Amino acid sequence: QTCPPGRPPPAARSLGGAAPVQSEVARGLEPAPENSGFRSVFSQLFGIAIGMDVARYLSLELSSDGWEINVEKRGTGSISEFAVYTGMVVARVRYPVLDDRLIPFVLAGAGLAYGESNDVKPRGLALGVEGNTGFVPTGAIGVGVDYMVARNVALGFETKYVLVRDHELTSEGRTQKLNLDAVLTSVSLRIFFP
């Protein structure tokens, strides 16, 4: 059963993968997966959310996701890792079916993304790689489905497109803005508190 309006929040933990959307994050710089668990284009993704059902078909939540990519300079190889952490206010529009056991939803959110260049590789040190740390605006749209395995526990699947732009990376004395847009795909465990 979904929580009625005003009931305390459900909490969710998610695990999945983050795949860059662009073949280049900046001119001459390409993304590659970091700690990929499935030998693919996906980097490991971790997330957490807490929210409240404000109506039968609407919930609001605070969510956070984090992932890293390797930044590779074309013709040179990996020069640095770049970590992204998002914090967003997310609205979910749900449509429960099958006696409220299956809950498809669409979502949209806005917030901030923190990014930092870390673990600069030896090739990157030789190129003088530096990355800014800081916050930029971010947003997301997505779809998913939850399946209630118990009255207050749901297993879910979600895919969302997250915009992450305007972080900067300096290499060979040239600073470039990065396009770190990604598709995040995750499975989640959602617990509804009484």
Protein backbone atom coordinates (compact mmCIF):
# COMPACT_ATOMS: atom_id res chain seq x y z
CA GLN A 1 0.00 0.00 0.00
CA THR A 2 1.24 3.48 -0.71
CA CYS A 3 1.36 5.88 2.23
CA PRO A 4 -1.60 8.22 2.62
CA PRO A 5 -1.03 12.00 2.43
CA GLY A 6 0.84 13.42 5.39
CA ARG A 7 2.24 10.09 6.49
CA PRO A 8 5.95 10.19 7.45
CA PRO A 9 8.41 9.71 4.62
CA PRO A 10 9.54 6.66 2.74
CA ALA A 11 13.30 6.19 2.57
CA ALA A 12 15.06 4.60 -0.37
CA ARG A 13 18.54 3.33 -1.09
CA SER A 14 19.61 2.65 -4.64
CA LEU A 15 22.48 0.98 -6.44
CA GLY A 16 23.14 0.99 -10.15
CA GLY A 17 25.14 2.55 -12.94
CA ALA A 18 25.84 5.98 -14.43
CA ALA A 19 26.57 6.25 -18.16
CA PRO A 20 27.85 9.47 -19.77
CA VAL A 21 25.63 10.75 -22.56
CA GLN A 22 28.34 12.52 -24.59
CA SER A 23 31.28 10.87 -26.33
CA GLU A 24 33.35 13.90 -25.24
CA VAL A 25 33.00 15.74 -21.92
CA ALA A 26 35.03 18.61 -23.43
CA ARG A 27 37.13 19.11 -26.55
CA GLY A 28 39.63 16.24 -26.72
CA LEU A 29 38.48 14.77 -23.39
CA GLU A 30 36.49 11.54 -23.29
CA PRO A 31 34.63 9.82 -20.44
CA ALA A 32 35.34 6.24 -19.39
CA PRO A 33 33.69 4.15 -16.65
CA GLU A 34 35.18 4.16 -13.16
CA ASN A 35 34.83 1.01 -11.04
CA SER A 36 32.42 -0.53 -13.54
CA GLY A 37 30.88 -3.62 -12.01
CA PHE A 38 29.59 -4.94 -15.32
CA ARG A 39 32.44 -4.25 -17.81
CA SER A 40 30.38 -1.70 -19.65
CA VAL A 41 29.89 2.03 -20.12
CA PHE A 42 28.41 2.29 -16.62
CA SER A 43 30.25 3.60 -13.56
CA GLN A 44 29.05 2.49 -10.14
CA LEU A 45 26.19 4.61 -8.81
CA PHE A 46 24.98 5.01 -5.24
CA GLY A 47 21.95 6.95 -4.08
CA ILE A 48 19.69 7.71 -1.17
CA ALA A 49 16.36 9.51 -0.87
CA ILE A 50 13.82 10.46 1.75
CA GLY A 51 10.39 11.84 0.97
CA MET A 52 6.71 12.07 1.67
CA ASP A 53 3.56 11.07 -0.18
CA VAL A 54 1.53 14.30 -0.35
CA ALA A 55 -1.35 12.77 -2.32
CA ARG A 56 -2.27 9.39 -3.79
CA TYR A 57 -0.57 10.26 -7.07
CA LEU A 58 2.18 12.64 -5.91
CA SER A 59 5.24 12.41 -3.68
CA LEU A 60 8.09 14.81 -2.97
CA GLU A 61 11.56 13.77 -1.90
CA LEU A 62 15.10 14.89 -1.29
CA SER A 63 17.49 12.67 -3.20
CA SER A 64 21.22 12.37 -3.68
CA ASP A 65 23.26 10.33 -6.18
CA GLY A 66 27.01 9.93 -6.58
CA TRP A 67 29.30 8.49 -9.24
CA GLU A 68 32.75 8.96 -10.81
CA ILE A 69 34.13 8.82 -14.32
CA ASN A 70 37.64 8.57 -15.68
CA VAL A 71 38.60 11.50 -17.89
CA GLU A 72 40.78 10.43 -20.82
CA LYS A 73 42.71 12.73 -23.13
CA ARG A 74 42.46 11.49 -26.69
CA GLY A 75 45.73 9.87 -27.70
CA THR A 76 47.14 10.05 -24.17
CA GLY A 77 44.89 7.93 -21.93
CA SER A 78 43.43 8.48 -18.49
CA ILE A 79 44.48 11.78 -16.91
CA SER A 80 42.10 12.11 -13.92
CA GLU A 81 38.97 10.92 -12.21
CA PHE A 82 36.01 13.26 -11.80
CA ALA A 83 33.40 12.71 -9.08
CA VAL A 84 29.84 14.03 -9.21
CA TYR A 85 27.40 14.23 -6.29
CA THR A 86 23.88 15.57 -6.78
CA GLY A 87 21.31 16.83 -4.32
CA MET A 88 17.79 17.47 -5.65
CA VAL A 89 14.20 18.08 -4.74
CA VAL A 90 12.27 15.53 -6.80
CA ALA A 91 8.56 15.26 -7.58
CA ARG A 92 7.18 11.83 -8.48
CA VAL A 93 3.83 11.44 -10.20
CA ARG A 94 2.64 7.88 -9.57
CA TYR A 95 -0.21 5.76 -10.89
CA PRO A 96 -0.74 2.70 -8.64
CA VAL A 97 -2.31 -0.36 -10.28
CA LEU A 98 -2.99 -4.01 -9.35
CA ASP A 99 -4.45 -3.09 -5.94
CA ASP A 100 -1.61 -0.60 -5.36
CA ARG A 101 1.08 -3.29 -5.65
CA LEU A 102 2.61 -2.02 -8.90
CA ILE A 103 3.39 1.70 -9.03
CA PRO A 104 4.72 3.17 -12.31
CA PHE A 105 5.93 6.76 -12.02
CA VAL A 106 7.53 9.68 -13.80
CA LEU A 107 9.83 12.11 -12.00
CA ALA A 108 11.37 15.53 -12.38
CA GLY A 109 13.84 17.26 -10.09
CA ALA A 110 16.11 20.25 -9.68
CA GLY A 111 18.99 21.04 -7.36
CA LEU A 112 22.77 21.28 -7.21
CA ALA A 113 25.62 19.06 -8.41
CA TYR A 114 28.99 19.08 -6.66
CA GLY A 115 31.96 18.02 -8.77
CA GLU A 116 35.64 17.54 -8.15
CA SER A 117 38.66 16.29 -10.03
CA ASN A 118 40.48 13.69 -7.94
CA ASP A 119 43.10 11.00 -8.26
CA VAL A 120 45.02 12.80 -11.02
CA LYS A 121 47.00 10.20 -12.97
CA PRO A 122 50.75 10.49 -13.73
CA ARG A 123 49.90 11.53 -17.32
CA GLY A 124 47.58 14.18 -15.88
CA LEU A 125 50.27 15.49 -13.51
CA ALA A 126 52.58 15.95 -16.51
CA LEU A 127 49.80 17.96 -18.23
CA GLY A 128 49.11 20.12 -15.16
CA VAL A 129 45.59 18.77 -14.71
CA GLU A 130 43.49 20.64 -12.18
CA GLY A 131 39.74 20.56 -11.67
CA ASN A 132 37.52 23.01 -9.91
CA THR A 133 35.43 21.91 -6.98
CA GLY A 134 32.09 23.46 -6.43
CA PHE A 135 28.39 23.46 -7.11
CA VAL A 136 26.47 23.98 -10.35
CA PRO A 137 22.71 23.80 -11.03
CA THR A 138 21.39 20.39 -12.03
CA GLY A 139 18.11 18.80 -13.04
CA ALA A 140 16.67 15.39 -13.86
CA ILE A 141 13.76 13.71 -15.60
CA GLY A 142 13.01 10.02 -15.50
CA VAL A 143 10.68 7.04 -15.28
CA GLY A 144 10.45 3.98 -13.11
CA VAL A 145 8.32 1.44 -11.32
CA ASP A 146 8.00 0.22 -7.73
CA TYR A 147 6.62 -3.18 -6.74
CA MET A 148 5.27 -3.56 -3.20
CA VAL A 149 6.69 -6.83 -1.83
CA ALA A 150 5.14 -6.10 1.57
CA ARG A 151 2.77 -3.49 2.99
CA ASN A 152 5.65 -1.07 3.65
CA VAL A 153 8.50 -2.35 1.43
CA ALA A 154 8.94 -1.81 -2.32
CA LEU A 155 11.55 -2.93 -4.83
CA GLY A 156 12.03 -0.44 -7.64
CA PHE A 157 13.70 0.20 -10.97
CA GLU A 158 14.43 3.71 -12.22
CA THR A 159 16.13 5.42 -15.15
CA LYS A 160 16.73 9.16 -15.28
CA TYR A 161 18.60 11.71 -17.37
CA VAL A 162 20.64 14.09 -15.21
CA LEU A 163 22.07 17.40 -16.51
CA VAL A 164 25.49 18.22 -15.05
CA ARG A 165 27.30 21.05 -16.83
CA ASP A 166 29.77 23.88 -16.23
CA HIS A 167 32.28 22.18 -13.96
CA GLU A 168 35.78 23.01 -15.20
CA LEU A 169 38.97 21.07 -15.83
CA THR A 170 42.35 22.58 -16.66
CA SER A 171 44.87 20.67 -18.77
CA GLU A 172 48.02 22.04 -20.46
CA GLY A 173 47.08 25.51 -19.24
CA ARG A 174 43.67 25.47 -20.93
CA THR A 175 40.47 25.49 -18.87
CA GLN A 176 37.39 23.86 -20.36
CA LYS A 177 33.81 23.52 -19.16
CA LEU A 178 32.70 19.90 -18.87
CA ASN A 179 29.44 18.33 -20.02
CA LEU A 180 28.89 15.51 -17.55
CA ASP A 181 25.25 14.73 -18.43
CA ALA A 182 24.51 11.10 -17.60
CA VAL A 183 21.83 8.46 -17.67
CA LEU A 184 21.45 6.91 -14.21
CA THR A 185 19.88 3.47 -13.99
CA SER A 186 19.28 1.90 -10.60
CA VAL A 187 17.44 -0.65 -8.52
CA SER A 188 16.16 0.51 -5.16
CA LEU A 189 14.73 -0.65 -1.88
CA ARG A 190 12.05 1.72 -0.58
CA ILE A 191 10.78 1.45 3.00
CA PHE A 192 7.62 3.28 4.12
CA PHE A 193 7.67 4.25 7.79
CA PRO A 194 4.48 4.02 9.87
